[in-house]
PDB file of N, CA and C in Angstrom:
ATOM      1  N   MET A   1     100.867  92.661  74.311  1.00  0.00           N
ATOM      2  CA  MET A   1     101.612  93.743  73.788  1.00  0.00           C
ATOM      3  C   MET A   1     100.731  94.457  72.754  1.00  0.00           C
ATOM      4  N   ARG A   2     100.647  95.698  72.792  1.00  0.00           N
ATOM      5  CA  ARG A   2      99.987  96.499  71.911  1.00  0.00           C
ATOM      6  C   ARG A   2     100.976  97.222  70.917  1.00  0.00           C
ATOM      7  N   LEU A   3     100.642  97.013  69.758  1.00  0.00           N
ATOM      8  CA  LEU A   3     101.432  97.728  68.655  1.00  0.00           C
ATOM      9  C   LEU A   3     100.813  98.912  68.102  1.00  0.00           C
ATOM     10  N   TRP A   4     101.429 100.112  68.073  1.00  0.00           N
ATOM     11  CA  TRP A   4     100.966 101.387  67.657  1.00  0.00           C
ATOM     12  C   TRP A   4     101.337 101.502  66.363  1.00  0.00           C
ATOM     13  N   ARG A   5     100.228 101.850  65.513  1.00  0.00           N
ATOM     14  CA  ARG A   5     100.629 102.219  64.018  1.00  0.00           C
ATOM     15  C   ARG A   5     100.567 103.682  63.825  1.00  0.00           C
ATOM     16  N   ARG A   6     101.491 104.251  63.345  1.00  0.00           N
ATOM     17  CA  ARG A   6     101.512 105.741  63.093  1.00  0.00           C
ATOM     18  C   ARG A   6     100.627 106.066  61.860  1.00  0.00           C
ATOM     19  N   ALA A   7      99.743 106.888  62.119  1.00  0.00           N
ATOM     20  CA  ALA A   7      98.821 107.400  60.960  1.00  0.00           C
ATOM     21  C   ALA A   7      99.577 108.515  60.182  1.00  0.00           C
ATOM     22  N   ARG A   8      99.421 108.371  58.836  1.00  0.00           N
ATOM     23  CA  ARG A   8     100.051 109.400  58.134  1.00  0.00           C
ATOM     24  C   ARG A   8      99.097 110.569  58.005  1.00  0.00           C
ATOM     25  N   PRO A   9      99.485 111.853  58.207  1.00  0.00           N
ATOM     26  CA  PRO A   9      98.479 112.901  58.127  1.00  0.00           C
ATOM     27  C   PRO A   9      98.217 113.241  56.716  1.00  0.00           C
ATOM     28  N   ALA A  10      97.145 113.886  56.352  1.00  0.00           N
ATOM     29  CA  ALA A  10      96.497 114.086  54.957  1.00  0.00           C
ATOM     30  C   ALA A  10      97.273 115.386  54.486  1.00  0.00           C
ATOM     31  N   VAL A  11      98.553 115.259  54.380  1.00  0.00           N
ATOM     32  CA  VAL A  11      99.408 116.332  53.917  1.00  0.00           C
ATOM     33  C   VAL A  11     100.335 115.791  52.784  1.00  0.00           C
ATOM     34  N   VAL A  12     100.867 116.755  51.970  1.00  0.00           N
ATOM     35  CA  VAL A  12     102.011 116.402  50.986  1.00  0.00           C
ATOM     36  C   VAL A  12     103.239 117.050  51.606  1.00  0.00           C
ATOM     37  N   TRP A  13     104.266 116.277  52.011  1.00  0.00           N
ATOM     38  CA  TRP A  13     105.459 116.734  52.418  1.00  0.00           C
ATOM     39  C   TRP A  13     106.315 117.302  51.342  1.00  0.00           C
ATOM     40  N   PHE A  14     107.173 118.289  51.756  1.00  0.00           N
ATOM     41  CA  PHE A  14     108.165 118.914  50.913  1.00  0.00           C
ATOM     42  C   PHE A  14     108.834 117.827  50.138  1.00  0.00           C
ATOM     43  N   GLY A  15     108.960 117.889  48.818  1.00  0.00           N
ATOM     44  CA  GLY A  15     109.634 117.050  48.018  1.00  0.00           C
ATOM     45  C   GLY A  15     108.788 115.821  47.476  1.00  0.00           C
ATOM     46  N   GLU A  16     107.554 115.684  48.011  1.00  0.00           N
ATOM     47  CA  GLU A  16     106.584 114.726  47.522  1.00  0.00           C
ATOM     48  C   GLU A  16     105.832 115.307  46.362  1.00  0.00           C
ATOM     49  N   THR A  17     105.276 114.373  45.614  1.00  0.00           N
ATOM     50  CA  THR A  17     104.393 114.865  44.552  1.00  0.00           C
ATOM     51  C   THR A  17     102.914 114.786  44.907  1.00  0.00           C
ATOM     52  N   LEU A  18     102.083 115.570  44.420  1.00  0.00           N
ATOM     53  CA  LEU A  18     100.548 115.568  44.738  1.00  0.00           C
ATOM     54  C   LEU A  18     100.001 114.347  43.948  1.00  0.00           C
ATOM     55  N   PRO A  19      98.974 113.759  44.511  1.00  0.00           N
ATOM     56  CA  PRO A  19      98.379 112.639  43.875  1.00  0.00           C
ATOM     57  C   PRO A  19      97.738 113.069  42.509  1.00  0.00           C
ATOM     58  N   GLU A  20      97.799 112.336  41.516  1.00  0.00           N
ATOM     59  CA  GLU A  20      97.292 112.709  40.200  1.00  0.00           C
ATOM     60  C   GLU A  20      95.843 113.058  40.206  1.00  0.00           C
ATOM     61  N   PRO A  21      94.977 112.231  40.887  1.00  0.00           N
ATOM     62  CA  PRO A  21      93.456 112.803  40.901  1.00  0.00           C
ATOM     63  C   PRO A  21      93.370 114.226  41.509  1.00  0.00           C
ATOM     64  N   ALA A  22      94.177 114.548  42.656  1.00  0.00           N
ATOM     65  CA  ALA A  22      94.081 115.953  43.168  1.00  0.00           C
ATOM     66  C   ALA A  22      94.599 116.963  42.121  1.00  0.00           C
ATOM     67  N   LEU A  23      95.632 116.619  41.402  1.00  0.00           N
ATOM     68  CA  LEU A  23      96.153 117.641  40.384  1.00  0.00           C
ATOM     69  C   LEU A  23      95.126 117.773  39.278  1.00  0.00           C
ATOM     70  N   GLU A  24      94.406 116.810  38.902  1.00  0.00           N
ATOM     71  CA  GLU A  24      93.364 116.975  38.002  1.00  0.00           C
ATOM     72  C   GLU A  24      92.324 117.878  38.424  1.00  0.00           C
ATOM     73  N   GLN A  25      91.961 117.726  39.737  1.00  0.00           N
ATOM     74  CA  GLN A  25      90.737 118.590  40.256  1.00  0.00           C
ATOM     75  C   GLN A  25      91.325 120.029  40.326  1.00  0.00           C
ATOM     76  N   VAL A  26      92.573 120.123  40.561  1.00  0.00           N
ATOM     77  CA  VAL A  26      93.180 121.544  40.762  1.00  0.00           C
ATOM     78  C   VAL A  26      93.155 122.126  39.358  1.00  0.00           C
ATOM     79  N   HIS A  27      93.617 121.534  38.373  1.00  0.00           N
ATOM     80  CA  HIS A  27      93.578 122.106  37.073  1.00  0.00           C
ATOM     81  C   HIS A  27      92.122 122.448  36.578  1.00  0.00           C
ATOM     82  N   ASP A  28      91.169 121.598  36.836  1.00  0.00           N
ATOM     83  CA  ASP A  28      89.810 121.955  36.503  1.00  0.00           C
ATOM     84  C   ASP A  28      89.377 123.136  37.260  1.00  0.00           C
ATOM     85  N   ALA A  29      89.730 123.411  38.468  1.00  0.00           N
ATOM     86  CA  ALA A  29      89.278 124.519  39.153  1.00  0.00           C
ATOM     87  C   ALA A  29      90.042 125.742  38.687  1.00  0.00           C
ATOM     88  N   LEU A  30      91.238 125.595  38.453  1.00  0.00           N
ATOM     89  CA  LEU A  30      92.120 126.817  37.837  1.00  0.00           C
ATOM     90  C   LEU A  30      91.563 127.292  36.506  1.00  0.00           C
ATOM     91  N   GLU A  31      91.011 126.408  35.751  1.00  0.00           N
ATOM     92  CA  GLU A  31      90.482 126.772  34.408  1.00  0.00           C
ATOM     93  C   GLU A  31      89.116 127.392  34.415  1.00  0.00           C
ATOM     94  N   SER A  32      88.446 127.172  35.572  1.00  0.00           N
ATOM     95  CA  SER A  32      87.031 127.846  35.713  1.00  0.00           C
ATOM     96  C   SER A  32      86.945 128.859  36.812  1.00  0.00           C
ATOM     97  N   CYS A  33      87.951 129.218  37.580  1.00  0.00           N
ATOM     98  CA  CYS A  33      87.800 130.195  38.709  1.00  0.00           C
ATOM     99  C   CYS A  33      87.867 131.515  38.178  1.00  0.00           C
ATOM    100  N   ASP A  34      87.112 132.415  38.925  1.00  0.00           N
ATOM    101  CA  ASP A  34      87.061 133.792  38.713  1.00  0.00           C
ATOM    102  C   ASP A  34      88.178 134.610  39.306  1.00  0.00           C
ATOM    103  N   LEU A  35      88.337 134.108  40.605  1.00  0.00           N
ATOM    104  CA  LEU A  35      89.385 134.817  41.395  1.00  0.00           C
ATOM    105  C   LEU A  35      90.342 133.639  41.925  1.00  0.00           C
ATOM    106  N   PHE A  36      91.673 134.052  41.971  1.00  0.00           N
ATOM    107  CA  PHE A  36      92.753 133.189  42.554  1.00  0.00           C
ATOM    108  C   PHE A  36      93.441 133.940  43.575  1.00  0.00           C
ATOM    109  N   LEU A  37      93.527 133.493  44.792  1.00  0.00           N
ATOM    110  CA  LEU A  37      94.331 134.147  45.903  1.00  0.00           C
ATOM    111  C   LEU A  37      95.618 133.201  46.272  1.00  0.00           C
ATOM    112  N   SER A  38      96.667 133.998  46.212  1.00  0.00           N
ATOM    113  CA  SER A  38      98.012 133.357  46.488  1.00  0.00           C
ATOM    114  C   SER A  38      98.208 134.017  47.961  1.00  0.00           C
ATOM    115  N   ILE A  39      98.251 133.128  48.975  1.00  0.00           N
ATOM    116  CA  ILE A  39      98.381 133.663  50.305  1.00  0.00           C
ATOM    117  C   ILE A  39      99.594 132.934  50.917  1.00  0.00           C
ATOM    118  N   GLY A  40     100.428 133.843  51.414  1.00  0.00           N
ATOM    119  CA  GLY A  40     101.553 133.342  52.254  1.00  0.00           C
ATOM    120  C   GLY A  40     102.612 132.345  51.581  1.00  0.00           C
ATOM    121  N   THR A  41     102.811 132.474  50.313  1.00  0.00           N
ATOM    122  CA  THR A  41     103.779 131.488  49.754  1.00  0.00           C
ATOM    123  C   THR A  41     104.931 132.252  49.010  1.00  0.00           C
ATOM    124  N   SER A  42     106.105 131.534  48.829  1.00  0.00           N
ATOM    125  CA  SER A  42     107.125 132.089  48.083  1.00  0.00           C
ATOM    126  C   SER A  42     106.907 132.141  46.636  1.00  0.00           C
ATOM    127  N   ALA A  43     105.899 131.386  46.249  1.00  0.00           N
ATOM    128  CA  ALA A  43     105.503 131.352  44.752  1.00  0.00           C
ATOM    129  C   ALA A  43     106.810 130.819  43.968  1.00  0.00           C
ATOM    130  N   LEU A  44     107.476 129.867  44.625  1.00  0.00           N
ATOM    131  CA  LEU A  44     108.547 129.220  43.964  1.00  0.00           C
ATOM    132  C   LEU A  44     108.519 127.719  43.875  1.00  0.00           C
ATOM    133  N   VAL A  45     107.834 127.151  44.661  1.00  0.00           N
ATOM    134  CA  VAL A  45     107.772 125.582  44.651  1.00  0.00           C
ATOM    135  C   VAL A  45     106.628 125.061  43.741  1.00  0.00           C
ATOM    136  N   GLU A  46     107.094 124.157  42.894  1.00  0.00           N
ATOM    137  CA  GLU A  46     106.138 123.673  41.950  1.00  0.00           C
ATOM    138  C   GLU A  46     105.484 122.419  42.555  1.00  0.00           C
ATOM    139  N   PRO A  47     104.275 122.055  42.092  1.00  0.00           N
ATOM    140  CA  PRO A  47     103.522 122.713  40.982  1.00  0.00           C
ATOM    141  C   PRO A  47     102.667 123.895  41.423  1.00  0.00           C
ATOM    142  N   ALA A  48     102.576 124.095  42.673  1.00  0.00           N
ATOM    143  CA  ALA A  48     101.744 125.293  43.099  1.00  0.00           C
ATOM    144  C   ALA A  48     102.210 126.567  42.534  1.00  0.00           C
ATOM    145  N   ALA A  49     103.412 126.779  42.288  1.00  0.00           N
ATOM    146  CA  ALA A  49     103.958 127.985  41.811  1.00  0.00           C
ATOM    147  C   ALA A  49     103.382 128.367  40.413  1.00  0.00           C
ATOM    148  N   SER A  50     102.994 127.300  39.720  1.00  0.00           N
ATOM    149  CA  SER A  50     102.288 127.512  38.330  1.00  0.00           C
ATOM    150  C   SER A  50     100.793 127.767  38.421  1.00  0.00           C
ATOM    151  N   PHE A  51     100.192 127.544  39.501  1.00  0.00           N
ATOM    152  CA  PHE A  51      98.810 127.622  39.575  1.00  0.00           C
ATOM    153  C   PHE A  51      98.299 129.073  39.221  1.00  0.00           C
ATOM    154  N   ILE A  52      98.919 129.986  39.711  1.00  0.00           N
ATOM    155  CA  ILE A  52      98.521 131.395  39.458  1.00  0.00           C
ATOM    156  C   ILE A  52      98.550 131.754  37.935  1.00  0.00           C
ATOM    157  N   HIS A  53      99.565 131.207  37.341  1.00  0.00           N
ATOM    158  CA  HIS A  53      99.734 131.477  35.779  1.00  0.00           C
ATOM    159  C   HIS A  53      98.620 130.920  35.033  1.00  0.00           C
ATOM    160  N   ILE A  54      98.272 129.615  35.423  1.00  0.00           N
ATOM    161  CA  ILE A  54      97.180 128.860  34.723  1.00  0.00           C
ATOM    162  C   ILE A  54      95.900 129.571  34.999  1.00  0.00           C
ATOM    163  N   ALA A  55      95.553 130.076  36.056  1.00  0.00           N
ATOM    164  CA  ALA A  55      94.290 130.735  36.457  1.00  0.00           C
ATOM    165  C   ALA A  55      94.240 132.069  35.643  1.00  0.00           C
ATOM    166  N   ARG A  56      95.327 132.788  35.479  1.00  0.00           N
ATOM    167  CA  ARG A  56      95.459 134.033  34.787  1.00  0.00           C
ATOM    168  C   ARG A  56      95.153 133.778  33.391  1.00  0.00           C
ATOM    169  N   ARG A  57      95.766 132.751  32.717  1.00  0.00           N
ATOM    170  CA  ARG A  57      95.567 132.377  31.386  1.00  0.00           C
ATOM    171  C   ARG A  57      94.101 132.083  31.117  1.00  0.00           C
ATOM    172  N   HIS A  58      93.365 131.608  32.139  1.00  0.00           N
ATOM    173  CA  HIS A  58      92.016 131.369  31.898  1.00  0.00           C
ATOM    174  C   HIS A  58      91.067 132.526  32.280  1.00  0.00           C
ATOM    175  N   GLY A  59      91.688 133.684  32.583  1.00  0.00           N
ATOM    176  CA  GLY A  59      90.753 134.878  32.914  1.00  0.00           C
ATOM    177  C   GLY A  59      90.547 135.268  34.293  1.00  0.00           C
ATOM    178  N   ALA A  60      91.205 134.454  35.282  1.00  0.00           N
ATOM    179  CA  ALA A  60      90.856 134.838  36.669  1.00  0.00           C
ATOM    180  C   ALA A  60      91.619 136.075  36.971  1.00  0.00           C
ATOM    181  N   LYS A  61      90.942 136.797  37.996  1.00  0.00           N
ATOM    182  CA  LYS A  61      91.578 137.949  38.629  1.00  0.00           C
ATOM    183  C   LYS A  61      92.627 137.322  39.656  1.00  0.00           C
ATOM    184  N   THR A  62      93.639 137.968  39.971  1.00  0.00           N
ATOM    185  CA  THR A  62      94.632 137.414  40.924  1.00  0.00           C
ATOM    186  C   THR A  62      94.933 138.339  42.035  1.00  0.00           C
ATOM    187  N   VAL A  63      95.057 137.849  43.302  1.00  0.00           N
ATOM    188  CA  VAL A  63      95.468 138.669  44.424  1.00  0.00           C
ATOM    189  C   VAL A  63      96.579 137.864  45.176  1.00  0.00           C
ATOM    190  N   GLU A  64      97.597 138.634  45.508  1.00  0.00           N
ATOM    191  CA  GLU A  64      98.630 138.055  46.269  1.00  0.00           C
ATOM    192  C   GLU A  64      98.594 138.716  47.757  1.00  0.00           C
ATOM    193  N   ILE A  65      98.668 137.852  48.755  1.00  0.00           N
ATOM    194  CA  ILE A  65      98.653 138.403  50.085  1.00  0.00           C
ATOM    195  C   ILE A  65      99.900 137.703  50.633  1.00  0.00           C
ATOM    196  N   ASN A  66     100.861 138.662  51.047  1.00  0.00           N
ATOM    197  CA  ASN A  66     102.199 138.092  51.536  1.00  0.00           C
ATOM    198  C   ASN A  66     102.851 139.227  52.306  1.00  0.00           C
ATOM    199  N   ARG A  67     103.744 138.984  53.259  1.00  0.00           N
ATOM    200  CA  ARG A  67     104.434 139.935  53.907  1.00  0.00           C
ATOM    201  C   ARG A  67     105.587 140.618  52.967  1.00  0.00           C
ATOM    202  N   ASP A  68     106.023 139.764  52.101  1.00  0.00           N
ATOM    203  CA  ASP A  68     107.166 140.096  51.289  1.00  0.00           C
ATOM    204  C   ASP A  68     106.850 139.888  49.768  1.00  0.00           C
ATOM    205  N   ALA A  69     107.630 140.679  48.910  1.00  0.00           N
ATOM    206  CA  ALA A  69     107.413 140.513  47.495  1.00  0.00           C
ATOM    207  C   ALA A  69     107.848 139.215  46.993  1.00  0.00           C
ATOM    208  N   THR A  70     107.326 138.569  46.105  1.00  0.00           N
ATOM    209  CA  THR A  70     107.434 137.341  45.520  1.00  0.00           C
ATOM    210  C   THR A  70     107.694 137.464  43.941  1.00  0.00           C
ATOM    211  N   PRO A  71     108.051 136.385  43.214  1.00  0.00           N
ATOM    212  CA  PRO A  71     108.220 136.441  41.773  1.00  0.00           C
ATOM    213  C   PRO A  71     106.837 136.849  41.076  1.00  0.00           C
ATOM    214  N   ILE A  72     105.699 136.566  41.782  1.00  0.00           N
ATOM    215  CA  ILE A  72     104.439 137.005  41.145  1.00  0.00           C
ATOM    216  C   ILE A  72     103.936 138.398  41.430  1.00  0.00           C
ATOM    217  N   SER A  73     104.548 139.067  42.353  1.00  0.00           N
ATOM    218  CA  SER A  73     104.138 140.322  42.748  1.00  0.00           C
ATOM    219  C   SER A  73     103.858 141.328  41.652  1.00  0.00           C
ATOM    220  N   GLY A  74     104.727 141.264  40.635  1.00  0.00           N
ATOM    221  CA  GLY A  74     104.526 142.226  39.493  1.00  0.00           C
ATOM    222  C   GLY A  74     103.502 141.785  38.507  1.00  0.00           C
ATOM    223  N   ILE A  75     102.930 140.539  38.589  1.00  0.00           N
ATOM    224  CA  ILE A  75     101.962 140.123  37.514  1.00  0.00           C
ATOM    225  C   ILE A  75     100.586 140.083  38.038  1.00  0.00           C
ATOM    226  N   VAL A  76     100.317 140.091  39.417  1.00  0.00           N
ATOM    227  CA  VAL A  76      99.061 139.900  39.907  1.00  0.00           C
ATOM    228  C   VAL A  76      98.170 141.146  39.764  1.00  0.00           C
ATOM    229  N   ASP A  77      96.844 141.060  39.745  1.00  0.00           N
ATOM    230  CA  ASP A  77      96.059 142.252  39.721  1.00  0.00           C
ATOM    231  C   ASP A  77      96.179 143.107  40.991  1.00  0.00           C
ATOM    232  N   TRP A  78      96.228 142.474  42.068  1.00  0.00           N
ATOM    233  CA  TRP A  78      96.410 143.154  43.453  1.00  0.00           C
ATOM    234  C   TRP A  78      97.414 142.348  44.243  1.00  0.00           C
ATOM    235  N   SER A  79      98.429 143.112  44.805  1.00  0.00           N
ATOM    236  CA  SER A  79      99.447 142.598  45.683  1.00  0.00           C
ATOM    237  C   SER A  79      99.222 143.349  47.098  1.00  0.00           C
ATOM    238  N   LEU A  80      98.840 142.614  48.064  1.00  0.00           N
ATOM    239  CA  LEU A  80      98.644 143.206  49.306  1.00  0.00           C
ATOM    240  C   LEU A  80      99.771 142.772  50.227  1.00  0.00           C
ATOM    241  N   ARG A  81     100.422 143.617  50.914  1.00  0.00           N
ATOM    242  CA  ARG A  81     101.495 143.406  51.898  1.00  0.00           C
ATOM    243  C   ARG A  81     101.032 143.314  53.254  1.00  0.00           C
ATOM    244  N   GLY A  82     101.376 142.303  53.961  1.00  0.00           N
ATOM    245  CA  GLY A  82     101.017 142.184  55.307  1.00  0.00           C
ATOM    246  C   GLY A  82     100.734 140.721  55.744  1.00  0.00           C
ATOM    247  N   LYS A  83     100.333 140.517  57.021  1.00  0.00           N
ATOM    248  CA  LYS A  83     100.066 139.250  57.413  1.00  0.00           C
ATOM    249  C   LYS A  83      98.605 138.818  56.960  1.00  0.00           C
ATOM    250  N   ALA A  84      98.607 137.477  56.479  1.00  0.00           N
ATOM    251  CA  ALA A  84      97.303 136.961  56.060  1.00  0.00           C
ATOM    252  C   ALA A  84      96.256 137.106  57.181  1.00  0.00           C
ATOM    253  N   GLY A  85      96.589 136.751  58.360  1.00  0.00           N
ATOM    254  CA  GLY A  85      95.665 136.738  59.505  1.00  0.00           C
ATOM    255  C   GLY A  85      95.015 138.148  59.754  1.00  0.00           C
ATOM    256  N   GLU A  86      95.728 139.128  59.343  1.00  0.00           N
ATOM    257  CA  GLU A  86      95.113 140.460  59.531  1.00  0.00           C
ATOM    258  C   GLU A  86      94.407 140.975  58.172  1.00  0.00           C
ATOM    259  N   ILE A  87      94.950 140.706  56.961  1.00  0.00           N
ATOM    260  CA  ILE A  87      94.460 141.206  55.712  1.00  0.00           C
ATOM    261  C   ILE A  87      93.122 140.364  55.481  1.00  0.00           C
ATOM    262  N   LEU A  88      93.171 139.015  55.661  1.00  0.00           N
ATOM    263  CA  LEU A  88      91.892 138.288  55.213  1.00  0.00           C
ATOM    264  C   LEU A  88      90.648 138.634  55.878  1.00  0.00           C
ATOM    265  N   PRO A  89      90.731 138.826  57.194  1.00  0.00           N
ATOM    266  CA  PRO A  89      89.428 139.364  57.916  1.00  0.00           C
ATOM    267  C   PRO A  89      88.939 140.690  57.418  1.00  0.00           C
ATOM    268  N   GLU A  90      89.917 141.599  57.046  1.00  0.00           N
ATOM    269  CA  GLU A  90      89.500 142.804  56.599  1.00  0.00           C
ATOM    270  C   GLU A  90      88.835 142.729  55.250  1.00  0.00           C
ATOM    271  N   LEU A  91      89.478 141.881  54.297  1.00  0.00           N
ATOM    272  CA  LEU A  91      88.856 141.679  52.968  1.00  0.00           C
ATOM    273  C   LEU A  91      87.396 141.037  53.183  1.00  0.00           C
ATOM    274  N   VAL A  92      87.202 140.087  53.895  1.00  0.00           N
ATOM    275  CA  VAL A  92      85.890 139.469  54.204  1.00  0.00           C
ATOM    276  C   VAL A  92      84.839 140.543  54.656  1.00  0.00           C
ATOM    277  N   GLN A  93      85.434 141.397  55.584  1.00  0.00           N
ATOM    278  CA  GLN A  93      84.531 142.470  56.129  1.00  0.00           C
ATOM    279  C   GLN A  93      84.121 143.392  55.053  1.00  0.00           C
ATOM    280  N   ARG A  94      85.072 143.825  54.186  1.00  0.00           N
ATOM    281  CA  ARG A  94      84.658 144.790  53.108  1.00  0.00           C
ATOM    282  C   ARG A  94      83.893 144.168  52.037  1.00  0.00           C
ATOM    283  N   ALA A  95      84.105 142.890  51.775  1.00  0.00           N
ATOM    284  CA  ALA A  95      83.339 142.158  50.693  1.00  0.00           C
ATOM    285  C   ALA A  95      82.041 141.749  51.091  1.00  0.00           C
ATOM    286  N   PHE A  96      81.900 141.285  52.348  1.00  0.00           N
ATOM    287  CA  PHE A  96      80.507 140.667  52.722  1.00  0.00           C
ATOM    288  C   PHE A  96      79.977 141.394  53.986  1.00  0.00           C
ATOM    289  N   GLY A  97      80.596 142.310  54.557  1.00  0.00           N
ATOM    290  CA  GLY A  97      80.126 143.008  55.625  1.00  0.00           C
ATOM    291  C   GLY A  97      79.960 142.151  56.922  1.00  0.00           C
ATOM    292  N   ILE A  98      80.710 141.290  57.051  1.00  0.00           N
ATOM    293  CA  ILE A  98      80.644 140.293  58.256  1.00  0.00           C
ATOM    294  C   ILE A  98      82.027 140.211  58.875  1.00  0.00           C
TER     295      ILE A  98
END
């Protein structure tokens, strides 16, 4: 008889906390990034909802890409309305010509 073991995917499910080492890495990146992109999120679920505020405090420019307005729409440097799958390729094309 063969026993199957279910493998846990490398994701954090809703309601779970992020591992502490991952949060430390995130905070290091937020404190040193030049540009922060918020893509397709409600900007309501913590701790991710705070990330844009931390990046802004450390001088990052901020961009929101979302179909709908969110609580951060009024504070970001650029708020782009639409589908990420359409907006991101255009941004890459304009920024890098590819």
